Amino acid sequence: MAGGWAKDGAEQEQIDNTVEDALQRVRSQIPTGEGLKECEECGAPIPEGRRQALPGVRLCVGCQEAEDAAQQATSPYNRRASKNSQLR
């Protein structure tokens, strides 16, 4: 049951949109193509095992960890939703 100006089912729609946005963000970060033998950030060699486990890998473990930490700063709010639903 929605309240205020929100239509019925608005809560589920917001949840679905938030999940879909997160999936699109993650899918866009999957590396594609041939992997590199050296990290594109620092130039360190990328071990053969890592290149086999992650086709298309472009970063060494250290640089990947730093990039993953930076990616955690994404907003948990669905900005496409109505302001009314975010005020609750």
Protein backbone atom coordinates (compact mmCIF):
# COMPACT_ATOMS: atom_id res chain seq x y z
CA MET A 1 0.00 0.00 0.00
CA ALA A 2 1.50 3.28 -1.11
CA GLY A 3 0.86 6.53 0.71
CA GLY A 4 0.85 10.17 -0.21
CA TRP A 5 1.26 10.82 -3.93
CA ALA A 6 2.92 7.47 -4.63
CA LYS A 7 0.93 4.96 -6.65
CA ASP A 8 0.27 1.41 -5.46
CA GLY A 9 3.30 -0.80 -6.04
CA ALA A 10 5.71 2.14 -6.04
CA GLU A 11 7.86 0.57 -3.32
CA GLN A 12 8.44 -2.60 -5.33
CA GLU A 13 9.13 -0.56 -8.46
CA GLN A 14 11.79 1.41 -6.60
CA ILE A 15 13.39 -1.80 -5.30
CA ASP A 16 13.37 -3.33 -8.80
CA ASN A 17 14.95 -0.18 -10.28
CA THR A 18 17.65 -0.12 -7.60
CA VAL A 19 18.53 -3.77 -8.21
CA GLU A 20 18.57 -3.30 -11.99
CA ASP A 21 20.82 -0.23 -11.70
CA ALA A 22 23.27 -2.17 -9.51
CA LEU A 23 23.32 -5.10 -11.94
CA GLN A 24 23.97 -2.80 -14.89
CA ARG A 25 26.84 -1.14 -13.02
CA VAL A 26 28.44 -4.49 -12.18
CA ARG A 27 27.96 -5.89 -15.69
CA SER A 28 29.59 -2.81 -17.21
CA GLN A 29 32.73 -3.46 -15.12
CA ILE A 30 33.31 -7.03 -16.31
CA PRO A 31 36.51 -7.01 -18.35
CA THR A 32 36.30 -8.19 -21.94
CA GLY A 33 38.84 -8.99 -24.62
CA GLU A 34 42.36 -10.24 -24.17
CA GLY A 35 43.93 -9.72 -20.76
CA LEU A 36 47.19 -7.89 -20.21
CA LYS A 37 50.47 -9.35 -19.00
CA GLU A 38 51.30 -6.14 -17.13
CA CYS A 39 49.02 -3.95 -15.02
CA GLU A 40 47.79 -0.93 -16.97
CA GLU A 41 48.02 1.22 -13.81
CA CYS A 42 51.39 0.39 -12.26
CA GLY A 43 53.12 -1.85 -14.81
CA ALA A 44 53.54 -4.80 -12.41
CA PRO A 45 53.35 -8.25 -14.00
CA ILE A 46 49.98 -9.99 -13.77
CA PRO A 47 50.45 -13.67 -12.79
CA GLU A 48 49.43 -16.32 -15.33
CA GLY A 49 46.95 -17.85 -12.87
CA ARG A 50 45.13 -14.54 -12.50
CA ARG A 51 45.00 -14.07 -16.27
CA GLN A 52 43.52 -17.55 -16.71
CA ALA A 53 40.99 -17.10 -13.90
CA LEU A 54 39.86 -13.67 -15.12
CA PRO A 55 39.84 -13.39 -18.92
CA GLY A 56 40.28 -9.77 -19.91
CA VAL A 57 42.01 -8.81 -16.64
CA ARG A 58 43.78 -5.44 -16.87
CA LEU A 59 44.92 -4.74 -13.30
CA CYS A 60 47.19 -6.44 -10.78
CA VAL A 61 45.69 -7.52 -7.44
CA GLY A 62 46.83 -4.38 -5.60
CA CYS A 63 45.44 -1.96 -8.17
CA GLN A 64 42.22 -3.97 -8.44
CA GLU A 65 41.74 -3.78 -4.67
CA ALA A 66 42.20 0.00 -4.79
CA GLU A 67 39.70 0.32 -7.62
CA ASP A 68 37.19 -1.91 -5.82
CA ALA A 69 37.48 0.27 -2.71
CA ALA A 70 36.82 3.38 -4.80
CA GLN A 71 33.76 1.74 -6.39
CA GLN A 72 32.22 1.14 -2.95
CA ALA A 73 31.50 4.86 -2.75
CA THR A 74 28.37 4.52 -4.92
CA SER A 75 25.10 5.87 -3.56
CA PRO A 76 22.65 3.39 -2.02
CA TYR A 77 19.70 5.50 -3.14
CA ASN A 78 17.78 5.10 -6.37
CA ARG A 79 17.85 8.60 -7.82
CA ARG A 80 15.16 7.70 -10.37
CA ALA A 81 12.57 7.22 -7.64
CA SER A 82 10.20 9.93 -6.51
CA LYS A 83 11.35 12.27 -3.75
CA ASN A 84 8.30 11.31 -1.74
CA SER A 85 9.52 7.72 -1.42
CA GLN A 86 12.98 8.88 -0.28
CA LEU A 87 11.62 11.08 2.50
CA ARG A 88 10.32 8.12 4.49
